[in-house]
Amino acid sequence: MTEYSKLFIIIGIVFILIGLIGTFIGKLPGDISFKKGNVSFHFPIMTSIVVSIVLSLIFYIVSRLK
């Protein structure tokens, strides 16, 4: 396997884990939701920050292992 194929496998596993965690956690405090009539708007700002931190840590650890 090449370096890129290993990297893509790791990225895929990370996305699967994030999806599973997101399913169980649901909406975090800090996520913005509005509902007015039949129109709803949801902006997951806190979830985005948490995912960004987790991905940054994972990629930092992966880069240190090389």
C-alpha atoms as a PDB file:
ATOM      1  CA  MET A   1       0.000   0.000   0.000  1.00  0.00           C
ATOM      2  CA  THR A   2       1.158   3.497  -0.699  1.00  0.00           C
ATOM      3  CA  GLU A   3       1.183   6.354   1.781  1.00  0.00           C
ATOM      4  CA  TYR A   4      -1.882   7.912   0.188  1.00  0.00           C
ATOM      5  CA  SER A   5      -3.953   4.761   0.413  1.00  0.00           C
ATOM      6  CA  LYS A   6      -3.179   4.421   4.125  1.00  0.00           C
ATOM      7  CA  LEU A   7      -4.053   8.068   4.635  1.00  0.00           C
ATOM      8  CA  PHE A   8      -7.391   7.677   2.827  1.00  0.00           C
ATOM      9  CA  ILE A   9      -8.223   4.621   4.938  1.00  0.00           C
ATOM     10  CA  ILE A  10      -7.471   6.560   8.131  1.00  0.00           C
ATOM     11  CA  ILE A  11      -9.548   9.526   6.928  1.00  0.00           C
ATOM     12  CA  GLY A  12     -12.443   7.186   6.124  1.00  0.00           C
ATOM     13  CA  ILE A  13     -12.295   5.604   9.566  1.00  0.00           C
ATOM     14  CA  VAL A  14     -12.206   9.062  11.168  1.00  0.00           C
ATOM     15  CA  PHE A  15     -15.299  10.133   9.229  1.00  0.00           C
ATOM     16  CA  ILE A  16     -17.130   6.966  10.236  1.00  0.00           C
ATOM     17  CA  LEU A  17     -16.245   7.539  13.897  1.00  0.00           C
ATOM     18  CA  ILE A  18     -17.340  11.172  13.724  1.00  0.00           C
ATOM     19  CA  GLY A  19     -20.632  10.105  12.159  1.00  0.00           C
ATOM     20  CA  LEU A  20     -21.255   7.534  14.864  1.00  0.00           C
ATOM     21  CA  ILE A  21     -20.351   9.961  17.639  1.00  0.00           C
ATOM     22  CA  GLY A  22     -22.536  12.657  16.089  1.00  0.00           C
ATOM     23  CA  THR A  23     -25.467  10.280  15.960  1.00  0.00           C
ATOM     24  CA  PHE A  24     -25.235   9.513  19.661  1.00  0.00           C
ATOM     25  CA  ILE A  25     -24.386  13.031  20.859  1.00  0.00           C
ATOM     26  CA  GLY A  26     -26.943  14.865  18.774  1.00  0.00           C
ATOM     27  CA  LYS A  27     -27.211  18.598  19.260  1.00  0.00           C
ATOM     28  CA  LEU A  28     -24.581  20.238  21.461  1.00  0.00           C
ATOM     29  CA  PRO A  29     -25.120  23.366  23.536  1.00  0.00           C
ATOM     30  CA  GLY A  30     -24.077  26.290  21.356  1.00  0.00           C
ATOM     31  CA  ASP A  31     -25.706  24.958  18.199  1.00  0.00           C
ATOM     32  CA  ILE A  32     -28.070  27.532  16.749  1.00  0.00           C
ATOM     33  CA  SER A  33     -31.600  26.486  15.753  1.00  0.00           C
ATOM     34  CA  PHE A  34     -34.525  28.597  14.603  1.00  0.00           C
ATOM     35  CA  LYS A  35     -37.975  27.406  13.668  1.00  0.00           C
ATOM     36  CA  LYS A  36     -40.659  29.741  12.429  1.00  0.00           C
ATOM     37  CA  GLY A  37     -43.736  28.271  10.851  1.00  0.00           C
ATOM     38  CA  ASN A  38     -42.734  25.644   8.335  1.00  0.00           C
ATOM     39  CA  VAL A  39     -39.162  26.988   7.940  1.00  0.00           C
ATOM     40  CA  SER A  40     -36.348  25.752  10.148  1.00  0.00           C
ATOM     41  CA  PHE A  41     -32.661  26.688  10.228  1.00  0.00           C
ATOM     42  CA  HIS A  42     -29.936  24.787  12.073  1.00  0.00           C
ATOM     43  CA  PHE A  43     -26.295  25.892  12.270  1.00  0.00           C
ATOM     44  CA  PRO A  44     -24.143  23.471  14.315  1.00  0.00           C
ATOM     45  CA  ILE A  45     -21.383  25.912  15.337  1.00  0.00           C
ATOM     46  CA  MET A  46     -20.314  24.073  18.514  1.00  0.00           C
ATOM     47  CA  THR A  47     -20.403  20.711  16.762  1.00  0.00           C
ATOM     48  CA  SER A  48     -18.206  22.154  14.006  1.00  0.00           C
ATOM     49  CA  ILE A  49     -15.688  23.400  16.569  1.00  0.00           C
ATOM     50  CA  VAL A  50     -15.562  20.032  18.343  1.00  0.00           C
ATOM     51  CA  VAL A  51     -15.121  18.139  15.050  1.00  0.00           C
ATOM     52  CA  SER A  52     -12.366  20.554  14.014  1.00  0.00           C
ATOM     53  CA  ILE A  53     -10.470  20.047  17.269  1.00  0.00           C
ATOM     54  CA  VAL A  54     -10.780  16.264  17.080  1.00  0.00           C
ATOM     55  CA  LEU A  55      -9.634  16.153  13.445  1.00  0.00           C
ATOM     56  CA  SER A  56      -6.714  18.469  14.208  1.00  0.00           C
ATOM     57  CA  LEU A  57      -5.587  16.194  17.027  1.00  0.00           C
ATOM     58  CA  ILE A  58      -5.923  13.075  14.898  1.00  0.00           C
ATOM     59  CA  PHE A  59      -3.953  14.562  12.010  1.00  0.00           C
ATOM     60  CA  TYR A  60      -1.289  15.848  14.412  1.00  0.00           C
ATOM     61  CA  ILE A  61      -0.882  12.372  15.883  1.00  0.00           C
ATOM     62  CA  VAL A  62      -0.795  10.751  12.429  1.00  0.00           C
ATOM     63  CA  SER A  63       1.833  13.216  11.213  1.00  0.00           C
ATOM     64  CA  ARG A  64       3.999  12.565  14.286  1.00  0.00           C
ATOM     65  CA  LEU A  65       3.910   8.808  13.621  1.00  0.00           C
ATOM     66  CA  LYS A  66       5.492   9.166  10.164  1.00  0.00           C
END
